[in-house]
Amino acid sequence: MSYMLEIKDVHKTFNPGTINQKIALNGVNLQLDEGDFVTIIGGNGAGKSTTLNAIAGVWEVDSGSIVIDGVDVTKLPEHKRAKYLGRVFQDPMNGTAATMSIDENMAIAARRGKSRTLRWGISKQEREQYHALLSTLDLGLESRMSAKVGLLSGGQRQAITLLMATIQKPKLLLLDEHTAALDPKTAAKVLALSDKIIEENHLTAMMVTHNMKDAIVHGNRLIMMHEGRIIYDVRGEEKQNLTVSDLLAKFDEASGGEFANDRMLFV
């Protein structure tokens, strides 16, 4: 069977052989079917964001392999993997160019990887496409397409980044705590938008979150990481029936109670 993502026995140690040595990934194995939407939880340093960075090729893994839709990308540099991936980061400032307008940002994303023409102008057809996409956000941004992105709120920027990350229908959408910097109301709106975009485009997605409630409510599958390994993988009805206390119990079991102090992070 072919998977949309297959991670096989991936290891990554930072600063090996030094006093700062940190085993970040310790034999990660994961297969995602097309259309899986996986939420990832774990304590600080569990390997959640490191796993997303390994997939994106931010640095090379020490051993193991990463295959996206049948293509082995293990040795590919980050820019060569970009065509398979959409990414939204924690910092709303990260995904957009502040000094450019909304429609210019959208054009950059829509034209990524395509042959560039010298004519930068945005065509009427392109503008209509961006207008239609922005109107689905229900934030009134379609009437502000010439506004500089730097003038928008964090939530508006994350919503635009989501559109930009998915405009080319990536094989895999990586969401790295993409609502952590937003207030609760805005975070809920951006999460609802994420669900809608993933569902409507039948995307395969991975979402790192610190919030156990969000991890349970969103997606069809949940994995928990601890010390660079996946220690729990649950899906379907079993996932839907999970409670926060179930997850906290799993955490305590995995960590031998050492997480007693940062349990509050997850509620």
C-alpha atoms as a PDB file:
ATOM      1  CA  MET A   1       0.000   0.000   0.000  1.00  0.00           C
ATOM      2  CA  SER A   2       1.299   3.460  -0.816  1.00  0.00           C
ATOM      3  CA  TYR A   3       1.163   6.142   1.856  1.00  0.00           C
ATOM      4  CA  MET A   4       1.046   9.912   1.480  1.00  0.00           C
ATOM      5  CA  LEU A   5       3.834  10.094   4.088  1.00  0.00           C
ATOM      6  CA  GLU A   6       6.111   7.356   5.336  1.00  0.00           C
ATOM      7  CA  ILE A   7       8.737   8.052   7.984  1.00  0.00           C
ATOM      8  CA  LYS A   8      10.976   5.061   8.650  1.00  0.00           C
ATOM      9  CA  ASP A   9      13.223   4.822  11.720  1.00  0.00           C
ATOM     10  CA  VAL A  10      14.312   8.469  11.648  1.00  0.00           C
ATOM     11  CA  HIS A  11      17.008   9.591  14.089  1.00  0.00           C
ATOM     12  CA  LYS A  12      18.355  13.086  14.713  1.00  0.00           C
ATOM     13  CA  THR A  13      20.835  14.214  17.373  1.00  0.00           C
ATOM     14  CA  PHE A  14      21.811  17.861  17.707  1.00  0.00           C
ATOM     15  CA  ASN A  15      25.349  18.808  18.818  1.00  0.00           C
ATOM     16  CA  PRO A  16      26.526  15.171  18.971  1.00  0.00           C
ATOM     17  CA  GLY A  17      29.496  14.474  21.225  1.00  0.00           C
ATOM     18  CA  THR A  18      29.253  17.829  23.010  1.00  0.00           C
ATOM     19  CA  ILE A  19      27.925  18.867  26.397  1.00  0.00           C
ATOM     20  CA  ASN A  20      24.828  20.180  24.571  1.00  0.00           C
ATOM     21  CA  GLN A  21      24.048  16.864  22.869  1.00  0.00           C
ATOM     22  CA  LYS A  22      20.298  16.392  22.460  1.00  0.00           C
ATOM     23  CA  ILE A  23      18.660  13.316  21.000  1.00  0.00           C
ATOM     24  CA  ALA A  24      15.714  14.966  19.247  1.00  0.00           C
ATOM     25  CA  LEU A  25      14.304  12.046  17.223  1.00  0.00           C
ATOM     26  CA  ASN A  26      14.937   8.521  18.420  1.00  0.00           C
ATOM     27  CA  GLY A  27      13.593   6.085  15.839  1.00  0.00           C
ATOM     28  CA  VAL A  28      10.398   7.774  14.594  1.00  0.00           C
ATOM     29  CA  ASN A  29       8.129   5.562  12.468  1.00  0.00           C
ATOM     30  CA  LEU A  30       4.919   6.977  11.016  1.00  0.00           C
ATOM     31  CA  GLN A  31       2.663   6.289   8.032  1.00  0.00           C
ATOM     32  CA  LEU A  32      -0.061   8.687   6.922  1.00  0.00           C
ATOM     33  CA  ASP A  33      -2.773   7.682   4.483  1.00  0.00           C
ATOM     34  CA  GLU A  34      -4.024  10.230   1.990  1.00  0.00           C
ATOM     35  CA  GLY A  35      -6.544  12.492   3.756  1.00  0.00           C
ATOM     36  CA  ASP A  36      -5.267  11.769   7.282  1.00  0.00           C
ATOM     37  CA  PHE A  37      -5.349  14.808   9.567  1.00  0.00           C
ATOM     38  CA  VAL A  38      -3.061  14.006  12.488  1.00  0.00           C
ATOM     39  CA  THR A  39      -2.703  16.081  15.639  1.00  0.00           C
ATOM     40  CA  ILE A  40       0.601  15.751  17.528  1.00  0.00           C
ATOM     41  CA  ILE A  41       0.997  16.403  21.244  1.00  0.00           C
ATOM     42  CA  GLY A  42       3.813  15.954  23.736  1.00  0.00           C
ATOM     43  CA  GLY A  43       5.853  17.804  26.334  1.00  0.00           C
ATOM     44  CA  ASN A  44       8.505  20.396  25.544  1.00  0.00           C
ATOM     45  CA  GLY A  45      11.367  18.736  23.701  1.00  0.00           C
ATOM     46  CA  ALA A  46       9.300  15.632  22.860  1.00  0.00           C
ATOM     47  CA  GLY A  47      10.148  15.931  19.151  1.00  0.00           C
ATOM     48  CA  LYS A  48       6.915  17.395  17.750  1.00  0.00           C
ATOM     49  CA  SER A  49       8.264  20.391  15.822  1.00  0.00           C
ATOM     50  CA  THR A  50      11.495  18.484  15.111  1.00  0.00           C
ATOM     51  CA  THR A  51       9.428  15.878  13.253  1.00  0.00           C
ATOM     52  CA  LEU A  52       7.817  18.604  11.100  1.00  0.00           C
ATOM     53  CA  ASN A  53      11.249  20.145  10.440  1.00  0.00           C
ATOM     54  CA  ALA A  54      12.615  16.729   9.448  1.00  0.00           C
ATOM     55  CA  ILE A  55       9.781  16.328   6.919  1.00  0.00           C
ATOM     56  CA  ALA A  56      10.365  19.841   5.573  1.00  0.00           C
ATOM     57  CA  GLY A  57      14.123  19.292   5.253  1.00  0.00           C
ATOM     58  CA  VAL A  58      15.178  22.149   7.520  1.00  0.00           C
ATOM     59  CA  TRP A  59      18.260  19.975   8.177  1.00  0.00           C
ATOM     60  CA  GLU A  60      19.261  16.453   7.176  1.00  0.00           C
ATOM     61  CA  VAL A  61      18.301  13.532   9.407  1.00  0.00           C
ATOM     62  CA  ASP A  62      21.115  11.297  10.742  1.00  0.00           C
ATOM     63  CA  SER A  63      19.479   8.062   9.587  1.00  0.00           C
ATOM     64  CA  GLY A  64      16.182   6.655   8.375  1.00  0.00           C
ATOM     65  CA  SER A  65      14.045   7.766   5.437  1.00  0.00           C
ATOM     66  CA  ILE A  66      11.193  10.133   4.599  1.00  0.00           C
ATOM     67  CA  VAL A  67       8.940   9.383   1.614  1.00  0.00           C
ATOM     68  CA  ILE A  68       6.184  11.772   0.438  1.00  0.00           C
ATOM     69  CA  ASP A  69       3.622  10.247  -1.944  1.00  0.00           C
ATOM     70  CA  GLY A  70       6.127   7.666  -3.190  1.00  0.00           C
ATOM     71  CA  VAL A  71       9.018  10.148  -3.588  1.00  0.00           C
ATOM     72  CA  ASP A  72      12.027   9.605  -1.309  1.00  0.00           C
ATOM     73  CA  VAL A  73      12.869  13.131  -0.140  1.00  0.00           C
ATOM     74  CA  THR A  74      15.356  12.105   2.582  1.00  0.00           C
ATOM     75  CA  LYS A  75      18.333  13.697   0.832  1.00  0.00           C
ATOM     76  CA  LEU A  76      16.482  16.560  -0.859  1.00  0.00           C
ATOM     77  CA  PRO A  77      17.233  20.099   0.408  1.00  0.00           C
ATOM     78  CA  GLU A  78      14.435  22.191   1.874  1.00  0.00           C
ATOM     79  CA  HIS A  79      13.734  24.240  -1.307  1.00  0.00           C
ATOM     80  CA  LYS A  80      13.330  21.064  -3.384  1.00  0.00           C
ATOM     81  CA  ARG A  81      10.761  19.644  -0.953  1.00  0.00           C
ATOM     82  CA  ALA A  82       8.774  22.875  -0.852  1.00  0.00           C
ATOM     83  CA  LYS A  83       6.626  21.889  -3.845  1.00  0.00           C
ATOM     84  CA  TYR A  84       5.177  18.954  -1.861  1.00  0.00           C
ATOM     85  CA  LEU A  85       4.489  20.926   1.310  1.00  0.00           C
ATOM     86  CA  GLY A  86       2.444  23.752   2.760  1.00  0.00           C
ATOM     87  CA  ARG A  87       3.580  25.159   6.130  1.00  0.00           C
ATOM     88  CA  VAL A  88       2.110  27.496   8.723  1.00  0.00           C
ATOM     89  CA  PHE A  89       4.314  28.453  11.671  1.00  0.00           C
ATOM     90  CA  GLN A  90       3.605  29.646  15.186  1.00  0.00           C
ATOM     91  CA  ASP A  91       4.615  33.237  14.472  1.00  0.00           C
ATOM     92  CA  PRO A  92       2.035  35.031  12.274  1.00  0.00           C
ATOM     93  CA  MET A  93       4.895  37.212  10.939  1.00  0.00           C
ATOM     94  CA  ASN A  94       6.632  34.181   9.430  1.00  0.00           C
ATOM     95  CA  GLY A  95       4.372  33.228   6.550  1.00  0.00           C
ATOM     96  CA  THR A  96       3.785  36.552   4.826  1.00  0.00           C
ATOM     97  CA  ALA A  97       5.777  39.507   3.451  1.00  0.00           C
ATOM     98  CA  ALA A  98       4.718  42.477   5.586  1.00  0.00           C
ATOM     99  CA  THR A  99       5.604  45.230   3.099  1.00  0.00           C
ATOM    100  CA  MET A 100       3.655  43.626   0.255  1.00  0.00           C
ATOM    101  CA  SER A 101      -0.087  43.772  -0.300  1.00  0.00           C
ATOM    102  CA  ILE A 102      -2.481  40.876   0.327  1.00  0.00           C
ATOM    103  CA  ASP A 103      -2.875  40.127  -3.390  1.00  0.00           C
ATOM    104  CA  GLU A 104       0.911  40.258  -3.967  1.00  0.00           C
ATOM    105  CA  ASN A 105       1.428  37.758  -1.139  1.00  0.00           C
ATOM    106  CA  MET A 106      -1.212  35.485  -2.659  1.00  0.00           C
ATOM    107  CA  ALA A 107       0.450  35.774  -6.085  1.00  0.00           C
ATOM    108  CA  ILE A 108       3.841  34.750  -4.674  1.00  0.00           C
ATOM    109  CA  ALA A 109       2.263  31.604  -3.195  1.00  0.00           C
ATOM    110  CA  ALA A 110       0.219  30.804  -6.312  1.00  0.00           C
ATOM    111  CA  ARG A 111       3.238  31.175  -8.618  1.00  0.00           C
ATOM    112  CA  ARG A 112       5.712  29.309  -6.400  1.00  0.00           C
ATOM    113  CA  GLY A 113       7.715  26.818  -8.458  1.00  0.00           C
ATOM    114  CA  LYS A 114       6.180  27.969 -11.739  1.00  0.00           C
ATOM    115  CA  SER A 115       8.260  29.574 -14.464  1.00  0.00           C
ATOM    116  CA  ARG A 116       8.537  33.256 -13.680  1.00  0.00           C
ATOM    117  CA  THR A 117       7.764  35.871 -16.248  1.00  0.00           C
ATOM    118  CA  LEU A 118       9.340  39.306 -16.044  1.00  0.00           C
ATOM    119  CA  ARG A 119       5.898  40.864 -15.890  1.00  0.00           C
ATOM    120  CA  TRP A 120       5.002  41.030 -12.209  1.00  0.00           C
ATOM    121  CA  GLY A 121       1.493  42.390 -12.786  1.00  0.00           C
ATOM    122  CA  ILE A 122      -1.386  40.375 -11.339  1.00  0.00           C
ATOM    123  CA  SER A 123      -3.939  39.508 -14.002  1.00  0.00           C
ATOM    124  CA  LYS A 124      -7.667  40.145 -13.651  1.00  0.00           C
ATOM    125  CA  GLN A 125      -8.242  36.375 -13.552  1.00  0.00           C
ATOM    126  CA  GLU A 126      -5.715  35.934 -10.725  1.00  0.00           C
ATOM    127  CA  ARG A 127      -7.252  38.812  -8.797  1.00  0.00           C
ATOM    128  CA  GLU A 128     -10.705  37.209  -9.122  1.00  0.00           C
ATOM    129  CA  GLN A 129      -9.312  33.898  -7.839  1.00  0.00           C
ATOM    130  CA  TYR A 130      -7.726  35.592  -4.775  1.00  0.00           C
ATOM    131  CA  HIS A 131     -10.921  37.580  -4.148  1.00  0.00           C
ATOM    132  CA  ALA A 132     -12.954  34.349  -4.125  1.00  0.00           C
ATOM    133  CA  LEU A 133     -10.476  32.595  -1.810  1.00  0.00           C
ATOM    134  CA  LEU A 134     -10.280  35.527   0.610  1.00  0.00           C
ATOM    135  CA  SER A 135     -14.070  35.820   0.772  1.00  0.00           C
ATOM    136  CA  THR A 136     -14.223  32.205   2.085  1.00  0.00           C
ATOM    137  CA  LEU A 137     -12.366  33.418   5.196  1.00  0.00           C
ATOM    138  CA  ASP A 138     -15.290  35.628   6.157  1.00  0.00           C
ATOM    139  CA  LEU A 139     -12.929  38.303   7.498  1.00  0.00           C
ATOM    140  CA  GLY A 140     -13.693  41.047   4.956  1.00  0.00           C
ATOM    141  CA  LEU A 141     -10.167  40.823   3.528  1.00  0.00           C
ATOM    142  CA  GLU A 142     -11.398  40.438  -0.049  1.00  0.00           C
ATOM    143  CA  SER A 143     -12.268  44.144  -0.027  1.00  0.00           C
ATOM    144  CA  ARG A 144      -8.765  45.050   1.248  1.00  0.00           C
ATOM    145  CA  MET A 145      -6.606  43.210  -1.276  1.00  0.00           C
ATOM    146  CA  SER A 146      -4.287  46.152  -1.860  1.00  0.00           C
ATOM    147  CA  ALA A 147      -3.681  46.631   1.897  1.00  0.00           C
ATOM    148  CA  LYS A 148      -0.162  45.917   3.178  1.00  0.00           C
ATOM    149  CA  VAL A 149      -0.114  42.654   5.110  1.00  0.00           C
ATOM    150  CA  GLY A 150       1.926  44.300   7.887  1.00  0.00           C
ATOM    151  CA  LEU A 151      -1.153  46.334   8.843  1.00  0.00           C
ATOM    152  CA  LEU A 152      -3.253  43.230   9.593  1.00  0.00           C
ATOM    153  CA  SER A 153      -3.815  41.501  12.921  1.00  0.00           C
ATOM    154  CA  GLY A 154      -2.044  38.233  13.814  1.00  0.00           C
ATOM    155  CA  GLY A 155      -5.205  36.230  13.202  1.00  0.00           C
ATOM    156  CA  GLN A 156      -5.773  37.820   9.784  1.00  0.00           C
ATOM    157  CA  ARG A 157      -2.156  37.105   8.838  1.00  0.00           C
ATOM    158  CA  GLN A 158      -2.454  33.451   9.911  1.00  0.00           C
ATOM    159  CA  ALA A 159      -5.671  33.100   7.890  1.00  0.00           C
ATOM    160  CA  ILE A 160      -3.897  34.474   4.792  1.00  0.00           C
ATOM    161  CA  THR A 161      -0.881  32.225   5.468  1.00  0.00           C
ATOM    162  CA  LEU A 162      -3.246  29.231   5.542  1.00  0.00           C
ATOM    163  CA  LEU A 163      -4.628  30.202   2.132  1.00  0.00           C
ATOM    164  CA  MET A 164      -1.112  30.721   0.788  1.00  0.00           C
ATOM    165  CA  ALA A 165       0.082  27.379   2.157  1.00  0.00           C
ATOM    166  CA  THR A 166      -2.802  25.507   0.507  1.00  0.00           C
ATOM    167  CA  ILE A 167      -3.357  27.456  -2.743  1.00  0.00           C
ATOM    168  CA  GLN A 168      -1.329  24.878  -4.690  1.00  0.00           C
ATOM    169  CA  LYS A 169      -2.945  21.879  -2.928  1.00  0.00           C
ATOM    170  CA  PRO A 170       0.202  20.490  -1.256  1.00  0.00           C
ATOM    171  CA  LYS A 171       0.703  16.760  -0.703  1.00  0.00           C
ATOM    172  CA  LEU A 172       1.127  17.541   2.976  1.00  0.00           C
ATOM    173  CA  LEU A 173       0.124  20.533   5.131  1.00  0.00           C
ATOM    174  CA  LEU A 174       2.289  21.119   8.220  1.00  0.00           C
ATOM    175  CA  LEU A 175       0.766  23.268  10.978  1.00  0.00           C
ATOM    176  CA  ASP A 176       3.289  23.982  13.743  1.00  0.00           C
ATOM    177  CA  GLU A 177       1.395  25.363  16.770  1.00  0.00           C
ATOM    178  CA  HIS A 178      -0.091  27.820  14.285  1.00  0.00           C
ATOM    179  CA  THR A 179      -2.632  29.228  16.755  1.00  0.00           C
ATOM    180  CA  ALA A 180      -0.389  29.418  19.854  1.00  0.00           C
ATOM    181  CA  ALA A 181       0.348  33.143  19.428  1.00  0.00           C
ATOM    182  CA  LEU A 182      -3.319  34.103  18.991  1.00  0.00           C
ATOM    183  CA  ASP A 183      -5.964  34.988  21.579  1.00  0.00           C
ATOM    184  CA  PRO A 184      -8.468  32.140  22.257  1.00  0.00           C
ATOM    185  CA  LYS A 185     -11.278  33.558  20.117  1.00  0.00           C
ATOM    186  CA  THR A 186      -9.013  34.179  17.110  1.00  0.00           C
ATOM    187  CA  ALA A 187      -7.299  30.809  17.617  1.00  0.00           C
ATOM    188  CA  ALA A 188     -10.690  29.059  17.465  1.00  0.00           C
ATOM    189  CA  LYS A 189     -11.513  30.885  14.215  1.00  0.00           C
ATOM    190  CA  VAL A 190      -8.178  29.950  12.593  1.00  0.00           C
ATOM    191  CA  LEU A 191      -8.621  26.306  13.702  1.00  0.00           C
ATOM    192  CA  ALA A 192     -12.115  26.217  12.200  1.00  0.00           C
ATOM    193  CA  LEU A 193     -10.680  27.639   8.956  1.00  0.00           C
ATOM    194  CA  SER A 194      -7.936  25.007   9.011  1.00  0.00           C
ATOM    195  CA  ASP A 195     -10.538  22.232   9.333  1.00  0.00           C
ATOM    196  CA  LYS A 196     -12.553  23.695   6.464  1.00  0.00           C
ATOM    197  CA  ILE A 197      -9.577  24.104   4.098  1.00  0.00           C
ATOM    198  CA  ILE A 198      -8.243  20.603   4.882  1.00  0.00           C
ATOM    199  CA  GLU A 199     -11.652  19.015   4.371  1.00  0.00           C
ATOM    200  CA  GLU A 200     -12.623  20.896   1.201  1.00  0.00           C
ATOM    201  CA  ASN A 201      -9.270  20.234  -0.491  1.00  0.00           C
ATOM    202  CA  HIS A 202      -8.969  16.643   0.840  1.00  0.00           C
ATOM    203  CA  LEU A 203      -5.516  17.506   2.195  1.00  0.00           C
ATOM    204  CA  THR A 204      -3.267  15.302   4.298  1.00  0.00           C
ATOM    205  CA  ALA A 205      -2.228  17.350   7.345  1.00  0.00           C
ATOM    206  CA  MET A 206      -0.184  17.278  10.549  1.00  0.00           C
ATOM    207  CA  MET A 207      -0.854  19.739  13.351  1.00  0.00           C
ATOM    208  CA  VAL A 208       1.423  20.188  16.352  1.00  0.00           C
ATOM    209  CA  THR A 209      -0.449  21.586  19.330  1.00  0.00           C
ATOM    210  CA  HIS A 210       0.036  22.068  23.065  1.00  0.00           C
ATOM    211  CA  ASN A 211      -3.684  22.063  23.628  1.00  0.00           C
ATOM    212  CA  MET A 212      -5.087  18.611  24.427  1.00  0.00           C
ATOM    213  CA  LYS A 213      -8.692  19.665  23.801  1.00  0.00           C
ATOM    214  CA  ASP A 214      -7.771  20.887  20.306  1.00  0.00           C
ATOM    215  CA  ALA A 215      -5.814  17.682  19.662  1.00  0.00           C
ATOM    216  CA  ILE A 216      -8.898  15.608  20.512  1.00  0.00           C
ATOM    217  CA  VAL A 217     -11.458  17.732  18.644  1.00  0.00           C
ATOM    218  CA  HIS A 218      -9.530  18.231  15.394  1.00  0.00           C
ATOM    219  CA  GLY A 219      -8.388  15.615  12.907  1.00  0.00           C
ATOM    220  CA  ASN A 220      -9.061  11.882  12.566  1.00  0.00           C
ATOM    221  CA  ARG A 221      -5.920  10.705  14.339  1.00  0.00           C
ATOM    222  CA  LEU A 222      -3.813  11.733  17.335  1.00  0.00           C
ATOM    223  CA  ILE A 223      -0.236  10.854  18.175  1.00  0.00           C
ATOM    224  CA  MET A 224       1.672  11.562  21.371  1.00  0.00           C
ATOM    225  CA  MET A 225       5.447  11.972  21.400  1.00  0.00           C
ATOM    226  CA  HIS A 226       7.880  11.615  24.276  1.00  0.00           C
ATOM    227  CA  GLU A 227      11.692  11.788  24.181  1.00  0.00           C
ATOM    228  CA  GLY A 228      11.835  11.678  20.385  1.00  0.00           C
ATOM    229  CA  ARG A 229       9.514   8.706  19.902  1.00  0.00           C
ATOM    230  CA  ILE A 230       5.847   8.154  19.149  1.00  0.00           C
ATOM    231  CA  ILE A 231       4.382   6.508  22.251  1.00  0.00           C
ATOM    232  CA  TYR A 232       0.655   6.610  21.438  1.00  0.00           C
ATOM    233  CA  ASP A 233      -1.260   6.565  18.156  1.00  0.00           C
ATOM    234  CA  VAL A 234      -5.053   6.584  18.174  1.00  0.00           C
ATOM    235  CA  ARG A 235      -7.687   7.198  15.487  1.00  0.00           C
ATOM    236  CA  GLY A 236     -11.351   7.069  14.554  1.00  0.00           C
ATOM    237  CA  GLU A 237     -13.965   6.446  17.199  1.00  0.00           C
ATOM    238  CA  GLU A 238     -11.403   5.696  19.890  1.00  0.00           C
ATOM    239  CA  LYS A 239      -9.908   9.161  19.318  1.00  0.00           C
ATOM    240  CA  GLN A 240     -13.331  10.838  19.363  1.00  0.00           C
ATOM    241  CA  ASN A 241     -14.074   9.268  22.739  1.00  0.00           C
ATOM    242  CA  LEU A 242     -10.832  10.458  24.345  1.00  0.00           C
ATOM    243  CA  THR A 243     -10.883  12.923  27.219  1.00  0.00           C
ATOM    244  CA  VAL A 244      -8.155  15.260  28.433  1.00  0.00           C
ATOM    245  CA  SER A 245      -7.796  13.116  31.567  1.00  0.00           C
ATOM    246  CA  ASP A 246      -7.196  10.034  29.370  1.00  0.00           C
ATOM    247  CA  LEU A 247      -4.345  11.872  27.671  1.00  0.00           C
ATOM    248  CA  LEU A 248      -2.899  13.161  30.936  1.00  0.00           C
ATOM    249  CA  ALA A 249      -2.943   9.590  32.274  1.00  0.00           C
ATOM    250  CA  LYS A 250      -1.062   8.431  29.148  1.00  0.00           C
ATOM    251  CA  PHE A 251       1.429  11.208  29.701  1.00  0.00           C
ATOM    252  CA  ASP A 252       2.034  10.309  33.308  1.00  0.00           C
ATOM    253  CA  GLU A 253       2.423   6.653  32.371  1.00  0.00           C
ATOM    254  CA  ALA A 254       4.953   7.464  29.626  1.00  0.00           C
ATOM    255  CA  SER A 255       6.985   9.944  31.598  1.00  0.00           C
ATOM    256  CA  GLY A 256       6.950   8.208  34.964  1.00  0.00           C
ATOM    257  CA  GLY A 257       5.173  11.203  36.505  1.00  0.00           C
ATOM    258  CA  GLU A 258       7.987  13.615  35.602  1.00  0.00           C
ATOM    259  CA  PHE A 259       5.480  15.812  33.764  1.00  0.00           C
ATOM    260  CA  ALA A 260       3.504  16.609  36.876  1.00  0.00           C
ATOM    261  CA  ASN A 261       4.766  20.207  36.676  1.00  0.00           C
ATOM    262  CA  ASP A 262       3.950  20.951  33.058  1.00  0.00           C
ATOM    263  CA  ARG A 263       0.663  19.102  32.857  1.00  0.00           C
ATOM    264  CA  MET A 264      -1.070  22.459  32.962  1.00  0.00           C
ATOM    265  CA  LEU A 265       0.401  23.271  29.552  1.00  0.00           C
ATOM    266  CA  PHE A 266      -1.972  20.847  27.969  1.00  0.00           C
ATOM    267  CA  VAL A 267      -5.321  21.776  29.343  1.00  0.00           C
END
